[in-house]
Amino acid sequence: MATDLHELLRSLRVWDPEVTNLPPLDPATAPAAPLPLFTEWFAAAVAAGQTEPHTMSLATSDASGLPDVRIVMLHGADETGWSFASHAGSRKGRHLAARPYAALGFYWPVLGRQVRVRGPVSAALSEESQGDLHARSTGALAAALTGRQSEVLESLDDLARASESAWERAAREPRTPVPSWTLYRLRAEEVEFFQGDARRRHVRLRYRRDGERWARELLWP
């Protein structure tokens, strides 16, 4: 029997209290800048057992303004911005070259929390990008060496052969450079923290950059 998608959707529950805890968010005690609160929330998601809390949605747009989104991994966050990496020739790399502005979205359902970040994106220098790559696993280097990200693949056999060769080289030469590998950094202009509430009185706290300071405001849910 075919699956009834609409019936399946109606059967699902959001923030089941058996697996989700909804802690309060008091805007009055929130820090003056978003990074400390992001760090606190990220650590709380890890402690709560959230699966892969370091993954995030990355939204970009092409030269025509058409949007796209995918899941990537957070490589770091500090006063200079939120960082991630990819090949410069990948779809997201081409988007960022044409329109160097993006948005990030984190979702940690175990705590009913979301964080949204958006702002201009810049590429790190090659030395920093290669350092980021070589600080990661052998598998990450192998994937980078396989290359051709977002290009049309003729067959899975072609992928298997290229990947096997890349894994062998990554294990043999762990410092192999991959010139196309690029570390990107998003300098936040806006950061929004969303805390879910069982009675749908969700708290949305938005930080907006105002020069070198941050303005804070609440949003209706």
N, C-alpha and C. Protein backbone atom coordinates (compact mmCIF):
# COMPACT_ATOMS: atom_id res chain seq x y z
N MET A 1 0.85 -1.20 0.00
CA MET A 1 0.00 0.00 0.00
C MET A 1 0.89 1.25 0.00
N ALA A 2 0.54 2.21 -0.87
CA ALA A 2 1.33 3.43 -0.96
C ALA A 2 1.18 4.26 0.31
N THR A 3 2.23 4.96 0.66
CA THR A 3 2.20 5.82 1.83
C THR A 3 1.34 7.05 1.57
N ASP A 4 0.46 7.37 2.51
CA ASP A 4 -0.33 8.60 2.44
C ASP A 4 0.47 9.69 3.14
N LEU A 5 1.11 10.53 2.36
CA LEU A 5 2.01 11.54 2.93
C LEU A 5 1.26 12.47 3.89
N HIS A 6 0.09 12.93 3.50
CA HIS A 6 -0.64 13.87 4.35
C HIS A 6 -1.06 13.23 5.67
N GLU A 7 -1.46 11.97 5.61
CA GLU A 7 -1.84 11.27 6.84
C GLU A 7 -0.61 11.10 7.74
N LEU A 8 0.51 10.77 7.13
CA LEU A 8 1.75 10.61 7.89
C LEU A 8 2.15 11.93 8.55
N LEU A 9 2.03 13.03 7.82
CA LEU A 9 2.38 14.33 8.38
C LEU A 9 1.49 14.68 9.56
N ARG A 10 0.20 14.39 9.46
CA ARG A 10 -0.73 14.71 10.55
C ARG A 10 -0.47 13.86 11.80
N SER A 11 0.21 12.73 11.62
CA SER A 11 0.47 11.85 12.76
C SER A 11 1.69 12.27 13.57
N LEU A 12 2.49 13.16 13.02
CA LEU A 12 3.74 13.54 13.67
C LEU A 12 3.52 14.64 14.69
N ARG A 13 4.38 14.65 15.69
CA ARG A 13 4.29 15.64 16.76
C ARG A 13 5.58 16.44 16.85
N VAL A 14 5.46 17.72 17.12
CA VAL A 14 6.63 18.57 17.30
C VAL A 14 6.90 18.73 18.79
N TRP A 15 8.16 18.58 19.18
CA TRP A 15 8.60 18.78 20.57
C TRP A 15 7.84 17.87 21.54
N ASP A 16 7.91 16.59 21.27
CA ASP A 16 7.33 15.60 22.17
C ASP A 16 8.01 15.73 23.53
N PRO A 17 7.25 15.95 24.61
CA PRO A 17 7.88 16.16 25.93
C PRO A 17 8.69 14.96 26.41
N GLU A 18 8.49 13.79 25.82
CA GLU A 18 9.29 12.63 26.23
C GLU A 18 10.74 12.74 25.76
N VAL A 19 10.96 13.53 24.72
CA VAL A 19 12.32 13.62 24.17
C VAL A 19 12.81 15.07 24.07
N THR A 20 11.95 16.03 24.37
CA THR A 20 12.31 17.44 24.21
C THR A 20 12.11 18.21 25.50
N ASN A 21 13.09 19.01 25.83
CA ASN A 21 13.00 19.93 26.96
C ASN A 21 13.00 21.34 26.40
N LEU A 22 12.08 22.19 26.85
CA LEU A 22 11.98 23.56 26.35
C LEU A 22 12.39 24.54 27.45
N PRO A 23 13.68 24.85 27.54
CA PRO A 23 14.12 25.77 28.58
C PRO A 23 13.67 27.19 28.28
N PRO A 24 13.55 28.03 29.28
CA PRO A 24 13.12 29.42 29.03
C PRO A 24 14.27 30.24 28.46
N LEU A 25 13.90 31.32 27.77
CA LEU A 25 14.86 32.32 27.32
C LEU A 25 14.40 33.66 27.88
N ASP A 26 15.19 34.22 28.78
CA ASP A 26 14.88 35.52 29.38
C ASP A 26 15.69 36.58 28.66
N PRO A 27 15.06 37.38 27.79
CA PRO A 27 15.83 38.41 27.06
C PRO A 27 16.55 39.38 27.97
N ALA A 28 16.03 39.60 29.17
CA ALA A 28 16.64 40.56 30.09
C ALA A 28 18.03 40.13 30.53
N THR A 29 18.29 38.84 30.51
CA THR A 29 19.59 38.34 30.95
C THR A 29 20.49 37.95 29.78
N ALA A 30 20.03 38.19 28.55
CA ALA A 30 20.82 37.84 27.37
C ALA A 30 22.05 38.74 27.27
N PRO A 31 23.17 38.22 26.79
CA PRO A 31 24.37 39.04 26.67
C PRO A 31 24.21 40.15 25.63
N ALA A 32 25.14 41.10 25.64
CA ALA A 32 25.05 42.25 24.76
C ALA A 32 25.36 41.90 23.31
N ALA A 33 26.06 40.80 23.08
CA ALA A 33 26.43 40.37 21.73
C ALA A 33 25.96 38.94 21.51
N PRO A 34 25.73 38.52 20.26
CA PRO A 34 25.16 37.20 20.01
C PRO A 34 26.12 36.03 20.20
N LEU A 35 27.41 36.23 19.99
CA LEU A 35 28.33 35.08 20.03
C LEU A 35 28.33 34.35 21.37
N PRO A 36 28.37 35.03 22.52
CA PRO A 36 28.32 34.29 23.79
C PRO A 36 27.05 33.46 23.95
N LEU A 37 25.91 34.00 23.50
CA LEU A 37 24.67 33.24 23.61
C LEU A 37 24.68 32.05 22.66
N PHE A 38 25.22 32.25 21.46
CA PHE A 38 25.33 31.12 20.52
C PHE A 38 26.19 30.03 21.12
N THR A 39 27.32 30.39 21.70
CA THR A 39 28.22 29.42 22.31
C THR A 39 27.53 28.66 23.43
N GLU A 40 26.79 29.38 24.26
CA GLU A 40 26.04 28.76 25.36
C GLU A 40 24.99 27.79 24.82
N TRP A 41 24.25 28.21 23.81
CA TRP A 41 23.21 27.34 23.25
C TRP A 41 23.82 26.13 22.55
N PHE A 42 24.92 26.33 21.86
CA PHE A 42 25.57 25.21 21.17
C PHE A 42 26.03 24.17 22.19
N ALA A 43 26.67 24.64 23.27
CA ALA A 43 27.13 23.72 24.32
C ALA A 43 25.95 22.99 24.95
N ALA A 44 24.84 23.68 25.13
CA ALA A 44 23.65 23.06 25.72
C ALA A 44 23.09 21.98 24.80
N ALA A 45 23.12 22.24 23.48
CA ALA A 45 22.64 21.24 22.52
C ALA A 45 23.50 19.99 22.55
N VAL A 46 24.81 20.18 22.65
CA VAL A 46 25.72 19.04 22.75
C VAL A 46 25.44 18.25 24.02
N ALA A 47 25.30 18.95 25.16
CA ALA A 47 25.06 18.29 26.44
C ALA A 47 23.72 17.56 26.46
N ALA A 48 22.75 18.08 25.70
CA ALA A 48 21.41 17.46 25.67
C ALA A 48 21.35 16.27 24.73
N GLY A 49 22.45 15.98 24.04
CA GLY A 49 22.47 14.83 23.15
C GLY A 49 21.93 15.08 21.76
N GLN A 50 21.87 16.36 21.36
CA GLN A 50 21.39 16.67 20.02
C GLN A 50 22.31 16.03 18.97
N THR A 51 21.73 15.31 18.02
CA THR A 51 22.51 14.68 16.96
C THR A 51 23.09 15.74 16.02
N GLU A 52 24.38 15.65 15.78
CA GLU A 52 25.09 16.52 14.85
C GLU A 52 24.69 18.00 15.01
N PRO A 53 24.90 18.56 16.18
CA PRO A 53 24.50 19.96 16.40
C PRO A 53 25.32 20.95 15.59
N HIS A 54 26.46 20.51 15.06
CA HIS A 54 27.33 21.40 14.30
C HIS A 54 26.96 21.48 12.82
N THR A 55 25.88 20.80 12.41
CA THR A 55 25.42 20.94 11.04
C THR A 55 24.43 22.10 10.96
N MET A 56 24.37 22.71 9.78
CA MET A 56 23.53 23.90 9.61
C MET A 56 23.09 24.01 8.17
N SER A 57 21.98 24.69 7.96
CA SER A 57 21.54 25.00 6.61
C SER A 57 22.30 26.24 6.14
N LEU A 58 22.76 26.20 4.89
CA LEU A 58 23.44 27.34 4.28
C LEU A 58 22.64 27.76 3.06
N ALA A 59 22.12 28.97 3.07
CA ALA A 59 21.34 29.49 1.95
C ALA A 59 22.16 30.52 1.18
N THR A 60 22.22 30.34 -0.13
CA THR A 60 22.91 31.27 -1.01
C THR A 60 21.99 31.57 -2.19
N SER A 61 22.41 32.47 -3.06
CA SER A 61 21.66 32.72 -4.29
C SER A 61 22.64 32.88 -5.44
N ASP A 62 22.15 32.52 -6.64
CA ASP A 62 23.02 32.60 -7.81
C ASP A 62 23.04 34.02 -8.38
N ALA A 63 23.73 34.18 -9.51
CA ALA A 63 23.88 35.52 -10.09
C ALA A 63 22.55 36.14 -10.47
N SER A 64 21.53 35.30 -10.71
CA SER A 64 20.21 35.79 -11.07
C SER A 64 19.33 36.05 -9.86
N GLY A 65 19.84 35.72 -8.68
CA GLY A 65 19.07 35.92 -7.46
C GLY A 65 18.24 34.73 -7.05
N LEU A 66 18.35 33.59 -7.76
CA LEU A 66 17.59 32.40 -7.41
C LEU A 66 18.23 31.72 -6.20
N PRO A 67 17.44 31.38 -5.17
CA PRO A 67 18.00 30.84 -3.93
C PRO A 67 18.30 29.35 -4.01
N ASP A 68 19.15 28.91 -3.12
CA ASP A 68 19.46 27.49 -2.95
C ASP A 68 19.85 27.28 -1.50
N VAL A 69 19.70 26.06 -1.02
CA VAL A 69 20.03 25.76 0.37
C VAL A 69 20.54 24.34 0.46
N ARG A 70 21.43 24.10 1.41
CA ARG A 70 21.97 22.76 1.65
C ARG A 70 22.49 22.70 3.09
N ILE A 71 22.80 21.49 3.54
CA ILE A 71 23.35 21.31 4.89
C ILE A 71 24.87 21.24 4.81
N VAL A 72 25.54 22.02 5.62
CA VAL A 72 27.00 21.99 5.71
C VAL A 72 27.40 21.94 7.19
N MET A 73 28.68 21.86 7.43
CA MET A 73 29.18 21.76 8.80
C MET A 73 29.81 23.08 9.23
N LEU A 74 29.51 23.49 10.44
CA LEU A 74 30.14 24.66 11.02
C LEU A 74 31.59 24.34 11.36
N HIS A 75 32.50 25.18 10.89
CA HIS A 75 33.93 24.97 11.18
C HIS A 75 34.42 25.84 12.33
N GLY A 76 33.66 26.84 12.69
CA GLY A 76 34.08 27.69 13.80
C GLY A 76 33.20 28.93 13.87
N ALA A 77 33.24 29.59 15.01
CA ALA A 77 32.53 30.86 15.19
C ALA A 77 33.31 31.69 16.20
N ASP A 78 33.65 32.89 15.81
CA ASP A 78 34.35 33.80 16.72
C ASP A 78 33.97 35.23 16.35
N GLU A 79 34.70 36.19 16.84
CA GLU A 79 34.36 37.59 16.62
C GLU A 79 34.42 37.97 15.14
N THR A 80 35.13 37.19 14.33
CA THR A 80 35.23 37.51 12.90
C THR A 80 34.08 36.92 12.10
N GLY A 81 33.35 35.95 12.68
CA GLY A 81 32.20 35.40 11.98
C GLY A 81 32.05 33.90 12.14
N TRP A 82 31.04 33.36 11.46
CA TRP A 82 30.74 31.93 11.43
C TRP A 82 31.39 31.35 10.17
N SER A 83 32.14 30.26 10.30
CA SER A 83 32.90 29.76 9.16
C SER A 83 32.47 28.38 8.72
N PHE A 84 32.61 28.14 7.42
CA PHE A 84 32.33 26.86 6.78
C PHE A 84 33.26 26.76 5.58
N ALA A 85 33.29 25.62 4.91
CA ALA A 85 34.25 25.44 3.82
C ALA A 85 33.63 24.65 2.67
N SER A 86 34.22 24.85 1.50
CA SER A 86 33.78 24.14 0.31
C SER A 86 34.79 24.39 -0.80
N HIS A 87 34.60 23.72 -1.93
CA HIS A 87 35.40 24.02 -3.11
C HIS A 87 34.91 25.32 -3.73
N ALA A 88 35.85 26.13 -4.20
CA ALA A 88 35.49 27.39 -4.83
C ALA A 88 34.64 27.18 -6.08
N GLY A 89 34.83 26.04 -6.75
CA GLY A 89 34.09 25.75 -7.97
C GLY A 89 32.78 25.04 -7.76
N SER A 90 32.43 24.73 -6.52
CA SER A 90 31.15 24.08 -6.23
C SER A 90 30.02 25.07 -6.49
N ARG A 91 28.78 24.58 -6.45
CA ARG A 91 27.65 25.48 -6.68
C ARG A 91 27.63 26.61 -5.65
N LYS A 92 27.81 26.26 -4.37
CA LYS A 92 27.80 27.30 -3.35
C LYS A 92 28.97 28.25 -3.52
N GLY A 93 30.13 27.72 -3.95
CA GLY A 93 31.29 28.57 -4.19
C GLY A 93 31.04 29.56 -5.31
N ARG A 94 30.40 29.08 -6.38
CA ARG A 94 30.08 29.98 -7.49
C ARG A 94 29.04 31.02 -7.07
N HIS A 95 28.06 30.59 -6.28
CA HIS A 95 27.07 31.54 -5.77
C HIS A 95 27.75 32.65 -4.97
N LEU A 96 28.63 32.24 -4.07
CA LEU A 96 29.26 33.22 -3.19
C LEU A 96 30.21 34.15 -3.94
N ALA A 97 30.77 33.66 -5.04
CA ALA A 97 31.61 34.52 -5.87
C ALA A 97 30.76 35.58 -6.55
N ALA A 98 29.54 35.20 -6.96
CA ALA A 98 28.64 36.14 -7.65
C ALA A 98 27.91 37.05 -6.68
N ARG A 99 27.47 36.47 -5.56
CA ARG A 99 26.71 37.22 -4.55
C ARG A 99 27.25 36.83 -3.17
N PRO A 100 28.23 37.55 -2.67
CA PRO A 100 28.90 37.16 -1.41
C PRO A 100 28.08 37.51 -0.17
N TYR A 101 26.90 36.92 -0.07
CA TYR A 101 26.00 37.13 1.06
C TYR A 101 25.26 35.83 1.28
N ALA A 102 25.06 35.44 2.55
CA ALA A 102 24.43 34.15 2.82
C ALA A 102 23.68 34.19 4.13
N ALA A 103 22.93 33.12 4.37
CA ALA A 103 22.21 32.94 5.63
C ALA A 103 22.46 31.54 6.15
N LEU A 104 22.53 31.40 7.46
CA LEU A 104 22.73 30.12 8.12
C LEU A 104 21.53 29.83 9.01
N GLY A 105 21.21 28.55 9.16
CA GLY A 105 20.12 28.16 10.05
C GLY A 105 20.50 26.93 10.85
N PHE A 106 20.46 27.04 12.16
CA PHE A 106 20.70 25.91 13.07
C PHE A 106 19.37 25.50 13.68
N TYR A 107 19.13 24.20 13.82
CA TYR A 107 17.91 23.72 14.47
C TYR A 107 18.29 22.60 15.42
N TRP A 108 17.96 22.81 16.70
CA TRP A 108 18.24 21.83 17.74
C TRP A 108 16.92 21.44 18.40
N PRO A 109 16.18 20.48 17.80
CA PRO A 109 14.84 20.15 18.28
C PRO A 109 14.80 19.58 19.69
N VAL A 110 15.90 19.00 20.16
CA VAL A 110 15.90 18.45 21.52
C VAL A 110 15.65 19.54 22.55
N LEU A 111 15.92 20.79 22.19
CA LEU A 111 15.67 21.93 23.07
C LEU A 111 14.68 22.93 22.47
N GLY A 112 14.11 22.59 21.32
CA GLY A 112 13.18 23.50 20.67
C GLY A 112 13.80 24.83 20.30
N ARG A 113 15.04 24.80 19.82
CA ARG A 113 15.77 26.03 19.56
C ARG A 113 16.22 26.14 18.10
N GLN A 114 16.19 27.35 17.60
CA GLN A 114 16.75 27.68 16.30
C GLN A 114 17.65 28.90 16.45
N VAL A 115 18.66 28.97 15.59
CA VAL A 115 19.48 30.18 15.48
C VAL A 115 19.61 30.49 13.99
N ARG A 116 19.32 31.73 13.64
CA ARG A 116 19.43 32.18 12.26
C ARG A 116 20.47 33.29 12.18
N VAL A 117 21.36 33.18 11.19
CA VAL A 117 22.46 34.14 11.04
C VAL A 117 22.51 34.55 9.58
N ARG A 118 22.69 35.85 9.31
CA ARG A 118 22.90 36.25 7.93
C ARG A 118 23.82 37.45 7.85
N GLY A 119 24.53 37.54 6.71
CA GLY A 119 25.47 38.62 6.53
C GLY A 119 26.37 38.37 5.35
N PRO A 120 27.30 39.28 5.08
CA PRO A 120 28.23 39.13 3.96
C PRO A 120 29.25 38.02 4.24
N VAL A 121 29.72 37.42 3.16
CA VAL A 121 30.66 36.30 3.25
C VAL A 121 31.95 36.65 2.53
N SER A 122 33.07 36.32 3.15
CA SER A 122 34.37 36.52 2.51
C SER A 122 35.15 35.21 2.55
N ALA A 123 36.08 35.07 1.63
CA ALA A 123 36.92 33.87 1.56
C ALA A 123 38.23 34.12 2.29
N ALA A 124 38.66 33.14 3.06
CA ALA A 124 39.93 33.25 3.78
C ALA A 124 41.09 33.11 2.80
N LEU A 125 42.25 33.54 3.23
CA LEU A 125 43.45 33.35 2.42
C LEU A 125 43.73 31.87 2.26
N SER A 126 44.46 31.53 1.19
CA SER A 126 44.74 30.13 0.87
C SER A 126 45.40 29.40 2.04
N GLU A 127 46.34 30.04 2.70
CA GLU A 127 47.06 29.39 3.81
C GLU A 127 46.10 28.99 4.92
N GLU A 128 45.17 29.86 5.25
CA GLU A 128 44.20 29.53 6.29
C GLU A 128 43.24 28.44 5.83
N SER A 129 42.85 28.49 4.57
CA SER A 129 41.94 27.47 4.03
C SER A 129 42.60 26.09 4.06
N GLN A 130 43.86 26.03 3.65
CA GLN A 130 44.56 24.74 3.66
C GLN A 130 44.78 24.26 5.09
N GLY A 131 45.04 25.16 6.01
CA GLY A 131 45.18 24.78 7.41
C GLY A 131 43.90 24.20 7.96
N ASP A 132 42.78 24.78 7.57
CA ASP A 132 41.48 24.25 7.99
C ASP A 132 41.29 22.83 7.46
N LEU A 133 41.61 22.61 6.19
CA LEU A 133 41.44 21.28 5.60
C LEU A 133 42.33 20.25 6.28
N HIS A 134 43.59 20.59 6.50
CA HIS A 134 44.53 19.62 7.06
C HIS A 134 44.34 19.38 8.54
N ALA A 135 43.53 20.20 9.19
CA ALA A 135 43.19 19.95 10.60
C ALA A 135 42.06 18.95 10.73
N ARG A 136 41.44 18.58 9.62
CA ARG A 136 40.31 17.67 9.63
C ARG A 136 40.77 16.24 9.42
N SER A 137 39.83 15.33 9.19
CA SER A 137 40.12 13.90 9.11
C SER A 137 40.69 13.51 7.75
N THR A 138 41.21 12.29 7.69
CA THR A 138 41.68 11.73 6.42
C THR A 138 40.53 11.68 5.42
N GLY A 139 39.35 11.33 5.90
CA GLY A 139 38.18 11.27 5.02
C GLY A 139 37.84 12.62 4.42
N ALA A 140 37.98 13.68 5.22
CA ALA A 140 37.70 15.03 4.72
C ALA A 140 38.68 15.40 3.61
N LEU A 141 39.96 15.07 3.82
CA LEU A 141 40.95 15.35 2.79
C LEU A 141 40.68 14.52 1.55
N ALA A 142 40.32 13.25 1.73
CA ALA A 142 40.01 12.39 0.59
C ALA A 142 38.85 12.95 -0.21
N ALA A 143 37.82 13.42 0.48
CA ALA A 143 36.67 13.99 -0.21
C ALA A 143 37.08 15.24 -0.99
N ALA A 144 37.93 16.06 -0.38
CA ALA A 144 38.39 17.27 -1.06
C ALA A 144 39.24 16.92 -2.29
N LEU A 145 40.08 15.89 -2.16
CA LEU A 145 40.92 15.47 -3.28
C LEU A 145 40.09 14.84 -4.40
N THR A 146 38.98 14.23 -4.05
CA THR A 146 38.12 13.66 -5.08
C THR A 146 37.62 14.75 -6.01
N GLY A 147 37.30 15.89 -5.43
CA GLY A 147 36.99 17.10 -6.19
C GLY A 147 35.76 16.98 -7.07
N ARG A 148 35.66 17.90 -8.04
CA ARG A 148 34.60 17.96 -9.04
C ARG A 148 33.22 18.13 -8.40
N GLN A 149 33.17 18.73 -7.22
CA GLN A 149 31.91 18.89 -6.50
C GLN A 149 30.90 19.66 -7.34
N SER A 150 29.68 19.14 -7.39
CA SER A 150 28.53 19.72 -8.10
C SER A 150 28.57 19.50 -9.61
N GLU A 151 29.63 18.89 -10.14
CA GLU A 151 29.66 18.56 -11.57
C GLU A 151 28.80 17.32 -11.82
N VAL A 152 28.38 17.13 -13.07
CA VAL A 152 27.58 15.97 -13.44
C VAL A 152 28.43 14.70 -13.34
N LEU A 153 27.90 13.67 -12.69
CA LEU A 153 28.58 12.38 -12.50
C LEU A 153 27.96 11.36 -13.45
N GLU A 154 28.79 10.75 -14.27
CA GLU A 154 28.29 9.79 -15.25
C GLU A 154 27.84 8.48 -14.62
N SER A 155 28.59 8.01 -13.60
CA SER A 155 28.23 6.74 -12.96
C SER A 155 28.84 6.65 -11.57
N LEU A 156 28.26 5.81 -10.72
CA LEU A 156 28.81 5.60 -9.38
C LEU A 156 30.15 4.90 -9.44
N ASP A 157 30.40 4.15 -10.51
CA ASP A 157 31.71 3.51 -10.67
C ASP A 157 32.80 4.56 -10.82
N ASP A 158 32.50 5.64 -11.55
CA ASP A 158 33.48 6.72 -11.69
C ASP A 158 33.79 7.34 -10.34
N LEU A 159 32.76 7.53 -9.52
CA LEU A 159 32.96 8.08 -8.18
C LEU A 159 33.80 7.14 -7.33
N ALA A 160 33.51 5.84 -7.41
CA ALA A 160 34.24 4.86 -6.60
C ALA A 160 35.73 4.87 -6.94
N ARG A 161 36.04 4.92 -8.23
CA ARG A 161 37.45 4.92 -8.64
C ARG A 161 38.16 6.18 -8.18
N ALA A 162 37.53 7.33 -8.39
CA ALA A 162 38.16 8.59 -7.98
C ALA A 162 38.32 8.66 -6.47
N SER A 163 37.31 8.19 -5.74
CA SER A 163 37.36 8.23 -4.29
C SER A 163 38.44 7.31 -3.75
N GLU A 164 38.54 6.13 -4.30
CA GLU A 164 39.56 5.18 -3.83
C GLU A 164 40.96 5.76 -4.00
N SER A 165 41.21 6.35 -5.16
CA SER A 165 42.51 6.97 -5.41
C SER A 165 42.76 8.12 -4.45
N ALA A 166 41.72 8.91 -4.17
CA ALA A 166 41.87 10.04 -3.26
C ALA A 166 42.14 9.58 -1.84
N TRP A 167 41.48 8.52 -1.40
CA TRP A 167 41.73 7.99 -0.06
C TRP A 167 43.17 7.51 0.08
N GLU A 168 43.67 6.83 -0.94
CA GLU A 168 45.05 6.34 -0.89
C GLU A 168 46.03 7.51 -0.80
N ARG A 169 45.78 8.56 -1.57
CA ARG A 169 46.69 9.70 -1.53
C ARG A 169 46.58 10.45 -0.20
N ALA A 170 45.37 10.59 0.31
CA ALA A 170 45.19 11.30 1.59
C ALA A 170 45.92 10.58 2.71
N ALA A 171 45.90 9.25 2.70
CA ALA A 171 46.60 8.48 3.73
C ALA A 171 48.11 8.57 3.56
N ARG A 172 48.56 8.63 2.30
CA ARG A 172 49.99 8.64 2.00
C ARG A 172 50.59 10.04 2.14
N GLU A 173 49.81 11.07 1.78
CA GLU A 173 50.30 12.44 1.80
C GLU A 173 49.27 13.33 2.53
N PRO A 174 49.25 13.26 3.86
CA PRO A 174 48.22 13.98 4.63
C PRO A 174 48.29 15.50 4.54
N ARG A 175 49.36 16.04 4.00
CA ARG A 175 49.48 17.50 3.87
C ARG A 175 49.28 17.94 2.42
N THR A 176 48.72 17.08 1.60
CA THR A 176 48.49 17.43 0.20
C THR A 176 47.60 18.67 0.09
N PRO A 177 48.03 19.69 -0.64
CA PRO A 177 47.17 20.87 -0.79
C PRO A 177 46.05 20.62 -1.80
N VAL A 178 44.94 21.26 -1.57
CA VAL A 178 43.81 21.23 -2.50
C VAL A 178 43.48 22.70 -2.78
N PRO A 179 44.02 23.28 -3.87
CA PRO A 179 43.90 24.71 -4.10
C PRO A 179 42.48 25.25 -4.13
N SER A 180 41.53 24.41 -4.56
CA SER A 180 40.15 24.90 -4.65
C SER A 180 39.43 24.94 -3.30
N TRP A 181 40.01 24.26 -2.29
CA TRP A 181 39.35 24.22 -0.98
C TRP A 181 39.39 25.61 -0.34
N THR A 182 38.25 26.11 0.04
CA THR A 182 38.15 27.49 0.52
C THR A 182 37.38 27.55 1.84
N LEU A 183 37.97 28.24 2.78
CA LEU A 183 37.28 28.51 4.04
C LEU A 183 36.55 29.84 3.89
N TYR A 184 35.24 29.80 4.13
CA TYR A 184 34.42 31.00 4.03
C TYR A 184 34.03 31.46 5.43
N ARG A 185 33.88 32.77 5.56
CA ARG A 185 33.50 33.33 6.86
C ARG A 185 32.35 34.32 6.67
N LEU A 186 31.26 34.06 7.38
CA LEU A 186 30.09 34.94 7.33
C LEU A 186 30.17 35.91 8.50
N ARG A 187 30.22 37.19 8.19
CA ARG A 187 30.23 38.23 9.22
C ARG A 187 28.78 38.63 9.50
N ALA A 188 28.28 38.26 10.64
CA ALA A 188 26.86 38.42 10.91
C ALA A 188 26.44 39.88 10.98
N GLU A 189 25.35 40.19 10.29
CA GLU A 189 24.67 41.47 10.44
C GLU A 189 23.42 41.31 11.30
N GLU A 190 22.85 40.10 11.26
CA GLU A 190 21.69 39.78 12.09
C GLU A 190 21.85 38.36 12.63
N VAL A 191 21.49 38.17 13.88
CA VAL A 191 21.47 36.84 14.50
C VAL A 191 20.18 36.76 15.31
N GLU A 192 19.36 35.76 15.01
CA GLU A 192 18.11 35.59 15.74
C GLU A 192 18.11 34.28 16.52
N PHE A 193 17.71 34.35 17.78
CA PHE A 193 17.58 33.19 18.65
C PHE A 193 16.09 32.92 18.86
N PHE A 194 15.68 31.70 18.56
CA PHE A 194 14.27 31.30 18.69
C PHE A 194 14.19 30.21 19.75
N GLN A 195 13.41 30.45 20.80
CA GLN A 195 13.18 29.45 21.84
C GLN A 195 11.71 29.03 21.79
N GLY A 196 11.48 27.76 21.48
CA GLY A 196 10.12 27.25 21.42
C GLY A 196 9.47 27.19 22.78
N ASP A 197 8.13 27.30 22.79
CA ASP A 197 7.34 27.25 24.01
C ASP A 197 6.15 26.33 23.77
N ALA A 198 5.82 25.51 24.75
CA ALA A 198 4.76 24.52 24.60
C ALA A 198 3.41 25.16 24.31
N ARG A 199 3.18 26.38 24.77
CA ARG A 199 1.92 27.09 24.52
C ARG A 199 2.02 28.05 23.34
N ARG A 200 3.05 27.82 22.54
CA ARG A 200 3.29 28.60 21.31
C ARG A 200 3.59 30.06 21.58
N ARG A 201 4.07 30.35 22.78
CA ARG A 201 4.52 31.71 23.10
C ARG A 201 6.04 31.78 22.88
N HIS A 202 6.41 31.44 21.68
CA HIS A 202 7.83 31.34 21.37
C HIS A 202 8.54 32.68 21.56
N VAL A 203 9.76 32.62 22.05
CA VAL A 203 10.55 33.83 22.26
C VAL A 203 11.54 33.96 21.11
N ARG A 204 11.48 35.10 20.43
CA ARG A 204 12.41 35.39 19.34
C ARG A 204 13.19 36.66 19.70
N LEU A 205 14.49 36.47 19.87
CA LEU A 205 15.37 37.57 20.22
C LEU A 205 16.32 37.82 19.06
N ARG A 206 16.25 39.01 18.48
CA ARG A 206 17.09 39.32 17.33
C ARG A 206 18.15 40.36 17.69
N TYR A 207 19.38 40.06 17.27
CA TYR A 207 20.49 41.01 17.37
C TYR A 207 20.74 41.60 15.98
N ARG A 208 20.85 42.92 15.90
CA ARG A 208 21.19 43.60 14.65
C ARG A 208 22.44 44.43 14.86
N ARG A 209 23.38 44.26 13.93
CA ARG A 209 24.64 45.00 14.06
C ARG A 209 24.38 46.48 13.81
N ASP A 210 24.90 47.30 14.71
CA ASP A 210 24.79 48.75 14.61
C ASP A 210 26.19 49.32 14.78
N GLY A 211 26.91 49.42 13.66
CA GLY A 211 28.32 49.80 13.74
C GLY A 211 29.11 48.68 14.40
N GLU A 212 29.78 48.99 15.48
CA GLU A 212 30.54 47.99 16.22
C GLU A 212 29.76 47.46 17.41
N ARG A 213 28.50 47.87 17.54
CA ARG A 213 27.67 47.42 18.65
C ARG A 213 26.50 46.60 18.10
N TRP A 214 25.73 46.04 19.03
CA TRP A 214 24.57 45.24 18.65
C TRP A 214 23.32 45.83 19.28
N ALA A 215 22.27 45.96 18.46
CA ALA A 215 20.95 46.33 18.97
C ALA A 215 20.15 45.06 19.16
N ARG A 216 19.35 45.00 20.22
CA ARG A 216 18.53 43.81 20.51
C ARG A 216 17.07 44.17 20.45
N GLU A 217 16.26 43.24 19.94
CA GLU A 217 14.81 43.47 19.88
C GLU A 217 14.10 42.13 19.87
N LEU A 218 12.87 42.15 20.38
CA LEU A 218 12.02 40.96 20.37
C LEU A 218 11.13 41.00 19.13
N LEU A 219 10.80 39.81 18.63
CA LEU A 219 9.91 39.67 17.47
C LEU A 219 8.68 38.85 17.86
N TRP A 220 7.55 39.18 17.28
CA TRP A 220 6.37 38.35 17.48
C TRP A 220 6.63 36.97 16.88
N PRO A 221 6.17 35.92 17.56
CA PRO A 221 6.39 34.57 17.02
C PRO A 221 5.50 34.30 15.82
